[in-house]
Amino acid sequence: MKRYRLSVCKGSSCKAGGADAVYAAARDALGAGGLVPRCELYRGGCYGFCHMGPNVVVREDTGRKKDPLSPEDYQLMGWPGEVYYSEMTPEKMKRVVEEHIAKDAPVRELFGQPDSGDD
């Protein structure tokens, strides 16, 4: 069974845009779905896409040791299984938990596009 790490940005722009409510929705949906053993939820630092927030990053947990100085808490790493979601709302977060976390089915229409800049 896959395990995930789900990070909700805690930067000031994302917080102003509702990141605390997105985090609460993730926590509640993981609990209600019995998915807490399957997904570690945490607050990541600023990913640098403030204008596209609230930002959420989901990664497959590979079991690698967590480095407290790792850049993964504040930048996209390009790792296999890494998914970036932008402009998140509590409703979108519930859908990500129900589909991506519970069913291993990333929600493609909610993927963020950090490199486009044309939005």
C-alpha atoms as a PDB file:
ATOM      1  CA  MET A   1       0.000   0.000   0.000  1.00  0.00           C
ATOM      2  CA  LYS A   2       1.321   3.434  -0.921  1.00  0.00           C
ATOM      3  CA  ARG A   3       1.934   6.001   1.777  1.00  0.00           C
ATOM      4  CA  TYR A   4       1.861   9.730   1.217  1.00  0.00           C
ATOM      5  CA  ARG A   5       3.177  12.966   2.682  1.00  0.00           C
ATOM      6  CA  LEU A   6       0.775  15.852   2.159  1.00  0.00           C
ATOM      7  CA  SER A   7       2.103  19.352   2.731  1.00  0.00           C
ATOM      8  CA  VAL A   8      -0.023  22.499   2.974  1.00  0.00           C
ATOM      9  CA  CYS A   9       1.938  25.740   2.565  1.00  0.00           C
ATOM     10  CA  LYS A  10       2.114  27.934   5.659  1.00  0.00           C
ATOM     11  CA  GLY A  11       3.520  31.016   3.920  1.00  0.00           C
ATOM     12  CA  SER A  12       1.797  34.333   4.568  1.00  0.00           C
ATOM     13  CA  SER A  13       0.157  34.617   1.129  1.00  0.00           C
ATOM     14  CA  CYS A  14      -1.222  31.085   1.295  1.00  0.00           C
ATOM     15  CA  LYS A  15      -2.432  31.636   4.858  1.00  0.00           C
ATOM     16  CA  ALA A  16      -4.174  34.841   3.757  1.00  0.00           C
ATOM     17  CA  GLY A  17      -5.773  32.853   0.920  1.00  0.00           C
ATOM     18  CA  GLY A  18      -7.213  30.211   3.238  1.00  0.00           C
ATOM     19  CA  ALA A  19      -4.422  27.660   3.780  1.00  0.00           C
ATOM     20  CA  ASP A  20      -5.454  27.100   7.409  1.00  0.00           C
ATOM     21  CA  ALA A  21      -8.930  26.012   6.269  1.00  0.00           C
ATOM     22  CA  VAL A  22      -7.358  23.801   3.565  1.00  0.00           C
ATOM     23  CA  TYR A  23      -5.144  22.166   6.217  1.00  0.00           C
ATOM     24  CA  ALA A  24      -8.150  21.636   8.519  1.00  0.00           C
ATOM     25  CA  ALA A  25     -10.125  20.084   5.647  1.00  0.00           C
ATOM     26  CA  ALA A  26      -7.241  17.700   4.919  1.00  0.00           C
ATOM     27  CA  ARG A  27      -6.941  16.737   8.593  1.00  0.00           C
ATOM     28  CA  ASP A  28     -10.697  16.159   8.883  1.00  0.00           C
ATOM     29  CA  ALA A  29     -10.962  14.202   5.610  1.00  0.00           C
ATOM     30  CA  LEU A  30      -7.985  11.988   6.502  1.00  0.00           C
ATOM     31  CA  GLY A  31      -9.533  11.260   9.899  1.00  0.00           C
ATOM     32  CA  ALA A  32     -13.034  10.639   8.557  1.00  0.00           C
ATOM     33  CA  GLY A  33     -11.715   8.335   5.842  1.00  0.00           C
ATOM     34  CA  GLY A  34      -9.490   6.327   8.197  1.00  0.00           C
ATOM     35  CA  LEU A  35      -6.489   7.449   6.136  1.00  0.00           C
ATOM     36  CA  VAL A  36      -4.250   8.834   8.889  1.00  0.00           C
ATOM     37  CA  PRO A  37      -2.001   5.714   8.829  1.00  0.00           C
ATOM     38  CA  ARG A  38      -1.639   6.145   5.068  1.00  0.00           C
ATOM     39  CA  CYS A  39      -0.823   9.856   4.896  1.00  0.00           C
ATOM     40  CA  GLU A  40       1.388  12.156   6.955  1.00  0.00           C
ATOM     41  CA  LEU A  41      -0.039  15.676   6.987  1.00  0.00           C
ATOM     42  CA  TYR A  42       2.222  18.624   7.692  1.00  0.00           C
ATOM     43  CA  ARG A  43       2.725  22.327   7.062  1.00  0.00           C
ATOM     44  CA  GLY A  44       5.410  23.071   4.489  1.00  0.00           C
ATOM     45  CA  GLY A  45       7.224  26.323   3.990  1.00  0.00           C
ATOM     46  CA  CYS A  46       6.678  28.714   1.115  1.00  0.00           C
ATOM     47  CA  TYR A  47       7.065  27.010  -2.272  1.00  0.00           C
ATOM     48  CA  GLY A  48       7.478  30.335  -4.100  1.00  0.00           C
ATOM     49  CA  PHE A  49       4.180  30.183  -6.017  1.00  0.00           C
ATOM     50  CA  CYS A  50       2.435  32.627  -3.698  1.00  0.00           C
ATOM     51  CA  HIS A  51       0.186  34.037  -6.428  1.00  0.00           C
ATOM     52  CA  MET A  52      -1.174  30.508  -7.048  1.00  0.00           C
ATOM     53  CA  GLY A  53      -1.916  29.578  -3.431  1.00  0.00           C
ATOM     54  CA  PRO A  54      -2.985  28.037  -1.271  1.00  0.00           C
ATOM     55  CA  ASN A  55      -0.441  25.484  -2.466  1.00  0.00           C
ATOM     56  CA  VAL A  56      -0.405  21.787  -1.597  1.00  0.00           C
ATOM     57  CA  VAL A  57       2.260  19.199  -2.437  1.00  0.00           C
ATOM     58  CA  VAL A  58       1.628  15.450  -2.259  1.00  0.00           C
ATOM     59  CA  ARG A  59       4.549  13.043  -2.411  1.00  0.00           C
ATOM     60  CA  GLU A  60       4.765   9.308  -2.166  1.00  0.00           C
ATOM     61  CA  ASP A  61       6.611   8.368   1.014  1.00  0.00           C
ATOM     62  CA  THR A  62       9.664   6.361   0.032  1.00  0.00           C
ATOM     63  CA  GLY A  63      10.774   5.750   3.607  1.00  0.00           C
ATOM     64  CA  ARG A  64      13.826   7.972   3.207  1.00  0.00           C
ATOM     65  CA  LYS A  65      15.029   9.553   6.414  1.00  0.00           C
ATOM     66  CA  LYS A  66      13.647  13.060   6.924  1.00  0.00           C
ATOM     67  CA  ASP A  67      16.423  15.646   6.830  1.00  0.00           C
ATOM     68  CA  PRO A  68      15.506  18.754   8.874  1.00  0.00           C
ATOM     69  CA  LEU A  69      17.415  20.900   6.372  1.00  0.00           C
ATOM     70  CA  SER A  70      15.871  19.266   3.310  1.00  0.00           C
ATOM     71  CA  PRO A  71      14.621  21.635   0.619  1.00  0.00           C
ATOM     72  CA  GLU A  72      11.552  19.423   0.066  1.00  0.00           C
ATOM     73  CA  ASP A  73       9.634  21.452   2.659  1.00  0.00           C
ATOM     74  CA  TYR A  74       9.869  24.619   0.582  1.00  0.00           C
ATOM     75  CA  GLN A  75      10.462  23.635  -3.051  1.00  0.00           C
ATOM     76  CA  LEU A  76       9.286  21.148  -5.621  1.00  0.00           C
ATOM     77  CA  MET A  77      11.801  18.358  -6.020  1.00  0.00           C
ATOM     78  CA  GLY A  78      10.638  16.765  -9.269  1.00  0.00           C
ATOM     79  CA  TRP A  79      10.550  13.347  -7.648  1.00  0.00           C
ATOM     80  CA  PRO A  80       8.454  10.530  -9.119  1.00  0.00           C
ATOM     81  CA  GLY A  81       5.010  10.641  -7.578  1.00  0.00           C
ATOM     82  CA  GLU A  82       5.282  14.312  -6.589  1.00  0.00           C
ATOM     83  CA  VAL A  83       2.115  16.294  -7.334  1.00  0.00           C
ATOM     84  CA  TYR A  84       1.644  20.041  -6.926  1.00  0.00           C
ATOM     85  CA  TYR A  85      -1.887  21.388  -6.440  1.00  0.00           C
ATOM     86  CA  SER A  86      -2.572  25.132  -6.605  1.00  0.00           C
ATOM     87  CA  GLU A  87      -5.444  27.453  -5.689  1.00  0.00           C
ATOM     88  CA  MET A  88      -6.704  24.924  -3.172  1.00  0.00           C
ATOM     89  CA  THR A  89      -9.942  25.247  -1.237  1.00  0.00           C
ATOM     90  CA  PRO A  90     -11.314  23.007   1.518  1.00  0.00           C
ATOM     91  CA  GLU A  91     -13.639  21.391  -1.059  1.00  0.00           C
ATOM     92  CA  LYS A  92     -10.763  20.682  -3.468  1.00  0.00           C
ATOM     93  CA  MET A  93      -8.676  19.331  -0.579  1.00  0.00           C
ATOM     94  CA  LYS A  94     -11.426  16.861   0.359  1.00  0.00           C
ATOM     95  CA  ARG A  95     -11.451  15.652  -3.243  1.00  0.00           C
ATOM     96  CA  VAL A  96      -7.653  15.209  -3.264  1.00  0.00           C
ATOM     97  CA  VAL A  97      -7.879  13.129  -0.069  1.00  0.00           C
ATOM     98  CA  GLU A  98     -10.790  11.036  -1.365  1.00  0.00           C
ATOM     99  CA  GLU A  99      -9.223  10.372  -4.791  1.00  0.00           C
ATOM    100  CA  HIS A 100      -5.435  10.811  -4.620  1.00  0.00           C
ATOM    101  CA  ILE A 101      -4.775   9.589  -1.078  1.00  0.00           C
ATOM    102  CA  ALA A 102      -7.551   7.000  -0.744  1.00  0.00           C
ATOM    103  CA  LYS A 103      -7.548   5.628  -4.312  1.00  0.00           C
ATOM    104  CA  ASP A 104      -4.036   6.437  -5.642  1.00  0.00           C
ATOM    105  CA  ALA A 105      -5.729   8.560  -8.328  1.00  0.00           C
ATOM    106  CA  PRO A 106      -4.169  12.054  -8.568  1.00  0.00           C
ATOM    107  CA  VAL A 107      -6.761  14.704  -9.501  1.00  0.00           C
ATOM    108  CA  ARG A 108      -5.261  15.956 -12.766  1.00  0.00           C
ATOM    109  CA  GLU A 109      -7.613  18.899 -13.305  1.00  0.00           C
ATOM    110  CA  LEU A 110      -6.401  20.391 -10.008  1.00  0.00           C
ATOM    111  CA  PHE A 111      -2.675  20.126 -10.820  1.00  0.00           C
ATOM    112  CA  GLY A 112      -0.773  23.384 -10.541  1.00  0.00           C
ATOM    113  CA  GLN A 113       1.522  24.538 -13.340  1.00  0.00           C
ATOM    114  CA  PRO A 114       4.386  26.337 -11.559  1.00  0.00           C
ATOM    115  CA  ASP A 115       6.440  27.020 -14.677  1.00  0.00           C
ATOM    116  CA  SER A 116       3.751  28.494 -16.934  1.00  0.00           C
ATOM    117  CA  GLY A 117       3.577  32.059 -15.582  1.00  0.00           C
ATOM    118  CA  ASP A 118       0.897  32.779 -18.205  1.00  0.00           C
ATOM    119  CA  ASP A 119      -2.105  32.242 -15.930  1.00  0.00           C
END
